[in-house]
Amino acid sequence: MKVYFLGTGTSQGIPVIGSNHPVCLSADPKDKRLRVSVWIHWESYSYVIDCGPDFRQQMLVSNCPKLDGIVYTHEHSDHTAGLDDIRPFSFKTNGVSIYAHPRVLDNLAKRFDYIFATDDKYPGAPSVIPHPIHPNTAFMLGNKQVIPINAYHAGLQVYGFRIDHFAYLTDVKTIDQQEIEKLRGLQVLVVNCLREESHHSHFNLSEALQFIAIVQPEKTYFTHISHTFGFHEAIQQKLPKNVYVAYDNLEITI
């Protein structure tokens, strides 16, 4: 299984519009971060986790040839706003499967009502096939089982996902011990790490490192990174062995 980092930035992306922050002015391509998302593919299967406002650009850069489905962590715009841009994939099939908490599916149906319409649907709109994700209930993506990991983004429930020995969690601030137990024995963990300073709804560096010490994956990659965290190379030099700063267009093999 291959994991391609489509985006590793926060809700504003990096560079931030109109910002003169040194990281936003960096010439290092690893300091330029689109909104957070990953493309996961194996054999003939192809899925993305989250579909933000940079989705079209991410698909073109990554040369993703097909899309079997989208798995959503939660409903915030930086994770969902690209839904309309699935049209080229949708037109090749009878619709793209989307997997999310029922609350998130309801939110998408309100915001993208023309996509979810069943009567008098505009012929140019994409089609989706909703699949609700329920706590403590595994589901299938192609021929692989996915275990949802329940966590909280401040007071908002979010899902992380485990597939085989890989797990992806973003926008996490707190997670119960029973959910942490589902993350034992990982080869690769991807987790949000916003910055060094504390934040009300995201892991900061010390919290992310504490979480890694509990889960004990073989390798960890940080994502959902703020420009205030610093330059990519400077962050990497601070990190322990086997903890890495992910960057856009990085691809790893599990």
Protein backbone atom coordinates (compact mmCIF):
# COMPACT_ATOMS: atom_id res chain seq x y z
CA MET A 1 0.00 0.00 0.00
CA LYS A 2 1.26 3.47 -0.89
CA VAL A 3 0.37 6.68 0.93
CA TYR A 4 0.80 9.93 -1.00
CA PHE A 5 0.62 13.17 0.97
CA LEU A 6 -1.57 15.43 -1.16
CA GLY A 7 -1.46 18.24 1.40
CA THR A 8 0.11 18.74 4.81
CA GLY A 9 -0.96 22.28 5.75
CA THR A 10 -3.53 23.89 7.98
CA SER A 11 -6.88 25.37 6.98
CA GLN A 12 -5.22 28.42 5.41
CA GLY A 13 -2.46 26.51 3.64
CA ILE A 14 1.12 27.75 3.39
CA PRO A 15 1.92 30.37 2.24
CA VAL A 16 -0.93 32.18 3.95
CA ILE A 17 -2.52 34.82 1.72
CA GLY A 18 -0.95 38.22 2.31
CA SER A 19 1.50 36.98 4.95
CA ASN A 20 5.07 38.22 5.27
CA HIS A 21 5.98 35.49 7.74
CA PRO A 22 9.42 34.05 6.83
CA VAL A 23 8.02 30.54 6.32
CA CYS A 24 5.40 31.91 3.91
CA LEU A 25 8.23 33.56 1.95
CA SER A 26 10.41 30.42 1.92
CA ALA A 27 11.77 29.15 -1.39
CA ASP A 28 11.94 25.58 -0.07
CA PRO A 29 9.14 23.57 -1.76
CA LYS A 30 8.74 21.57 1.47
CA ASP A 31 7.51 24.77 3.15
CA LYS A 32 4.63 25.11 0.66
CA ARG A 33 1.67 23.16 2.00
CA LEU A 34 -1.80 22.61 0.54
CA ARG A 35 -4.75 21.68 2.71
CA VAL A 36 -4.38 18.34 4.46
CA SER A 37 -5.25 15.12 2.60
CA VAL A 38 -3.73 11.77 1.62
CA TRP A 39 -4.19 9.47 -1.36
CA ILE A 40 -4.00 5.78 -0.47
CA HIS A 41 -3.69 3.18 -3.20
CA TRP A 42 -2.89 -0.50 -3.56
CA GLU A 43 -3.48 -3.09 -6.30
CA SER A 44 -6.33 -1.58 -8.34
CA TYR A 45 -7.86 0.42 -5.45
CA SER A 46 -7.61 4.18 -4.98
CA TYR A 47 -9.03 6.30 -2.13
CA VAL A 48 -8.44 9.70 -0.59
CA ILE A 49 -8.89 10.74 3.01
CA ASP A 50 -10.55 14.17 2.97
CA CYS A 51 -11.26 16.31 -0.06
CA GLY A 52 -10.42 19.95 0.63
CA PRO A 53 -10.40 23.12 -1.48
CA ASP A 54 -7.08 22.16 -3.14
CA PHE A 55 -8.42 18.80 -4.38
CA ARG A 56 -8.29 19.57 -8.13
CA GLN A 57 -4.71 20.81 -7.95
CA GLN A 58 -3.72 17.83 -5.81
CA MET A 59 -5.18 15.35 -8.28
CA LEU A 60 -3.37 16.96 -11.20
CA VAL A 61 0.00 17.08 -9.41
CA SER A 62 -0.24 13.52 -8.09
CA ASN A 63 -1.48 12.09 -11.42
CA CYS A 64 -4.18 10.16 -9.59
CA PRO A 65 -5.89 8.20 -12.40
CA LYS A 66 -9.03 7.00 -10.63
CA LEU A 67 -10.96 7.42 -7.40
CA ASP A 68 -12.93 4.64 -5.77
CA GLY A 69 -14.00 6.71 -2.78
CA ILE A 70 -13.44 9.50 -0.29
CA VAL A 71 -13.16 8.91 3.45
CA TYR A 72 -13.92 11.94 5.62
CA THR A 73 -12.45 12.72 9.02
CA HIS A 74 -14.97 15.51 9.75
CA GLU A 75 -16.96 18.27 8.12
CA HIS A 76 -14.71 21.34 8.33
CA SER A 77 -14.26 23.14 5.03
CA ASP A 78 -10.53 22.49 4.67
CA HIS A 79 -11.41 18.79 4.62
CA THR A 80 -14.56 18.86 2.47
CA ALA A 81 -14.76 21.92 0.20
CA GLY A 82 -13.42 20.13 -2.88
CA LEU A 83 -16.34 17.75 -3.27
CA ASP A 84 -17.61 19.37 -6.48
CA ASP A 85 -14.25 18.71 -8.14
CA ILE A 86 -14.77 14.94 -8.11
CA ARG A 87 -16.81 15.37 -11.31
CA PRO A 88 -14.23 13.85 -13.71
CA PHE A 89 -14.08 10.73 -11.53
CA SER A 90 -17.84 10.61 -11.06
CA PHE A 91 -18.54 10.85 -14.79
CA LYS A 92 -16.49 7.69 -15.37
CA THR A 93 -18.62 5.68 -12.94
CA ASN A 94 -22.10 5.61 -11.47
CA GLY A 95 -20.93 7.78 -8.58
CA VAL A 96 -18.08 8.08 -6.10
CA SER A 97 -18.50 6.38 -2.73
CA ILE A 98 -18.11 8.67 0.27
CA TYR A 99 -17.59 7.40 3.82
CA ALA A 100 -18.26 9.58 6.86
CA HIS A 101 -20.01 9.92 10.19
CA PRO A 102 -23.79 10.35 9.61
CA ARG A 103 -23.48 13.90 10.98
CA VAL A 104 -20.90 14.70 8.32
CA LEU A 105 -23.02 13.16 5.55
CA ASP A 106 -25.94 15.34 6.65
CA ASN A 107 -23.69 18.40 6.63
CA LEU A 108 -22.46 17.65 3.11
CA ALA A 109 -26.02 17.04 1.88
CA LYS A 110 -26.98 20.55 3.04
CA ARG A 111 -23.94 22.31 1.64
CA PHE A 112 -23.88 20.36 -1.63
CA ASP A 113 -27.59 19.72 -2.03
CA TYR A 114 -27.32 19.67 -5.84
CA ILE A 115 -24.91 16.72 -5.61
CA PHE A 116 -27.18 14.74 -3.28
CA ALA A 117 -30.39 15.61 -5.17
CA THR A 118 -32.49 12.72 -6.39
CA ASP A 119 -35.15 14.69 -8.32
CA ASP A 120 -34.40 17.02 -11.24
CA LYS A 121 -30.69 16.65 -10.70
CA TYR A 122 -28.51 18.90 -12.83
CA PRO A 123 -26.76 16.61 -15.35
CA GLY A 124 -23.38 18.28 -14.83
CA ALA A 125 -23.32 17.60 -11.09
CA PRO A 126 -21.25 14.74 -9.71
CA SER A 127 -22.91 11.77 -8.05
CA VAL A 128 -21.99 10.26 -4.70
CA ILE A 129 -22.87 7.05 -2.89
CA PRO A 130 -22.98 7.76 0.88
CA HIS A 131 -21.76 5.18 3.39
CA PRO A 132 -22.17 6.06 7.09
CA ILE A 133 -19.30 5.23 9.46
CA HIS A 134 -20.29 4.19 12.96
CA PRO A 135 -18.07 4.01 16.07
CA ASN A 136 -16.51 0.63 16.81
CA THR A 137 -17.68 -0.69 13.45
CA ALA A 138 -15.07 -1.62 10.87
CA PHE A 139 -15.84 -1.15 7.17
CA MET A 140 -14.25 -2.18 3.90
CA LEU A 141 -12.37 -0.15 1.33
CA GLY A 142 -11.83 -2.49 -1.58
CA ASN A 143 -10.35 -5.63 -0.05
CA LYS A 144 -8.99 -3.96 3.10
CA GLN A 145 -10.67 -3.53 6.47
CA VAL A 146 -10.70 -0.04 7.96
CA ILE A 147 -11.01 0.53 11.70
CA PRO A 148 -12.42 3.96 12.62
CA ILE A 149 -10.62 5.70 15.49
CA ASN A 150 -12.82 8.06 17.50
CA ALA A 151 -11.16 11.30 18.64
CA TYR A 152 -12.01 14.94 19.40
CA HIS A 153 -11.08 18.21 17.72
CA ALA A 154 -11.83 20.41 20.75
CA GLY A 155 -15.51 19.49 21.26
CA LEU A 156 -16.08 18.10 17.75
CA GLN A 157 -15.96 14.36 17.15
CA VAL A 158 -13.55 13.38 14.36
CA TYR A 159 -12.50 10.05 12.90
CA GLY A 160 -9.04 8.72 12.34
CA PHE A 161 -8.56 5.50 10.40
CA ARG A 162 -6.43 2.38 10.68
CA ILE A 163 -5.74 0.24 7.62
CA ASP A 164 -3.50 -2.76 8.26
CA HIS A 165 -0.41 -1.39 10.05
CA PHE A 166 -1.03 2.22 8.98
CA ALA A 167 -3.11 4.85 10.79
CA TYR A 168 -4.06 8.41 9.86
CA LEU A 169 -5.31 10.94 12.42
CA THR A 170 -5.68 14.66 11.86
CA ASP A 171 -7.30 17.54 13.74
CA VAL A 172 -6.98 15.60 16.99
CA LYS A 173 -6.76 17.23 20.42
CA THR A 174 -7.93 14.41 22.70
CA ILE A 175 -8.45 10.68 22.33
CA ASP A 176 -9.71 8.12 24.82
CA GLN A 177 -7.59 5.22 25.98
CA GLN A 178 -9.91 2.64 24.44
CA GLU A 179 -9.33 4.22 21.03
CA ILE A 180 -5.57 4.38 21.58
CA GLU A 181 -5.61 0.61 22.09
CA LYS A 182 -6.77 0.25 18.47
CA LEU A 183 -3.48 1.81 17.38
CA ARG A 184 -1.08 -0.76 18.80
CA GLY A 185 1.45 -2.41 16.49
CA LEU A 186 1.59 0.27 13.81
CA GLN A 187 4.34 0.49 11.24
CA VAL A 188 3.38 4.06 10.31
CA LEU A 189 1.34 6.66 12.17
CA VAL A 190 0.36 9.97 10.57
CA VAL A 191 -0.84 12.53 13.11
CA ASN A 192 -1.46 16.26 13.27
CA CYS A 193 1.13 18.50 14.88
CA LEU A 194 0.20 22.15 14.44
CA ARG A 195 3.01 24.05 16.15
CA GLU A 196 5.04 24.26 19.37
CA GLU A 197 2.61 26.56 21.21
CA SER A 198 -0.55 25.12 22.74
CA HIS A 199 -3.75 25.20 20.66
CA HIS A 200 -7.33 24.65 21.77
CA SER A 201 -8.21 22.02 19.15
CA HIS A 202 -4.95 20.51 17.79
CA PHE A 203 -1.98 18.62 19.16
CA ASN A 204 1.04 20.84 19.60
CA LEU A 205 4.55 19.36 19.46
CA SER A 206 4.75 18.21 23.08
CA GLU A 207 1.28 16.62 22.92
CA ALA A 208 2.06 14.86 19.64
CA LEU A 209 5.30 13.46 21.04
CA GLN A 210 3.51 12.28 24.17
CA PHE A 211 0.94 10.55 21.98
CA ILE A 212 3.69 8.86 19.95
CA ALA A 213 5.33 7.64 23.17
CA ILE A 214 2.05 5.98 24.15
CA VAL A 215 1.22 4.44 20.75
CA GLN A 216 4.84 3.49 19.92
CA PRO A 217 4.61 3.17 16.13
CA GLU A 218 7.73 2.23 14.18
CA LYS A 219 7.60 5.55 12.30
CA THR A 220 5.53 8.72 12.62
CA TYR A 221 4.85 11.51 10.14
CA PHE A 222 3.48 14.89 11.23
CA THR A 223 0.84 16.65 9.14
CA HIS A 224 -1.59 19.60 9.42
CA ILE A 225 1.36 21.90 10.03
CA SER A 226 1.17 25.66 10.61
CA HIS A 227 3.61 28.20 9.22
CA THR A 228 4.20 29.28 12.84
CA PHE A 229 5.82 25.87 13.51
CA GLY A 230 8.83 27.03 11.48
CA PHE A 231 10.80 25.92 8.44
CA HIS A 232 10.53 22.29 7.42
CA GLU A 233 14.23 21.53 7.83
CA ALA A 234 14.44 23.33 11.18
CA ILE A 235 11.50 21.35 12.55
CA GLN A 236 12.97 18.06 11.36
CA GLN A 237 16.23 18.70 13.20
CA LYS A 238 14.31 18.99 16.51
CA LEU A 239 12.52 15.67 16.22
CA PRO A 240 13.42 12.29 17.71
CA LYS A 241 14.57 9.35 15.62
CA ASN A 242 11.82 7.87 13.44
CA VAL A 243 9.61 10.99 13.68
CA TYR A 244 9.37 12.95 10.44
CA VAL A 245 7.74 16.08 9.10
CA ALA A 246 5.59 15.07 6.12
CA TYR A 247 5.52 17.36 3.12
CA ASP A 248 3.34 17.73 0.04
CA ASN A 249 3.93 15.04 -2.63
CA LEU A 250 5.84 12.75 -0.30
CA GLU A 251 4.95 9.11 -0.99
CA ILE A 252 5.66 6.27 1.42
CA THR A 253 5.14 2.53 1.11
CA ILE A 254 3.60 0.52 3.93
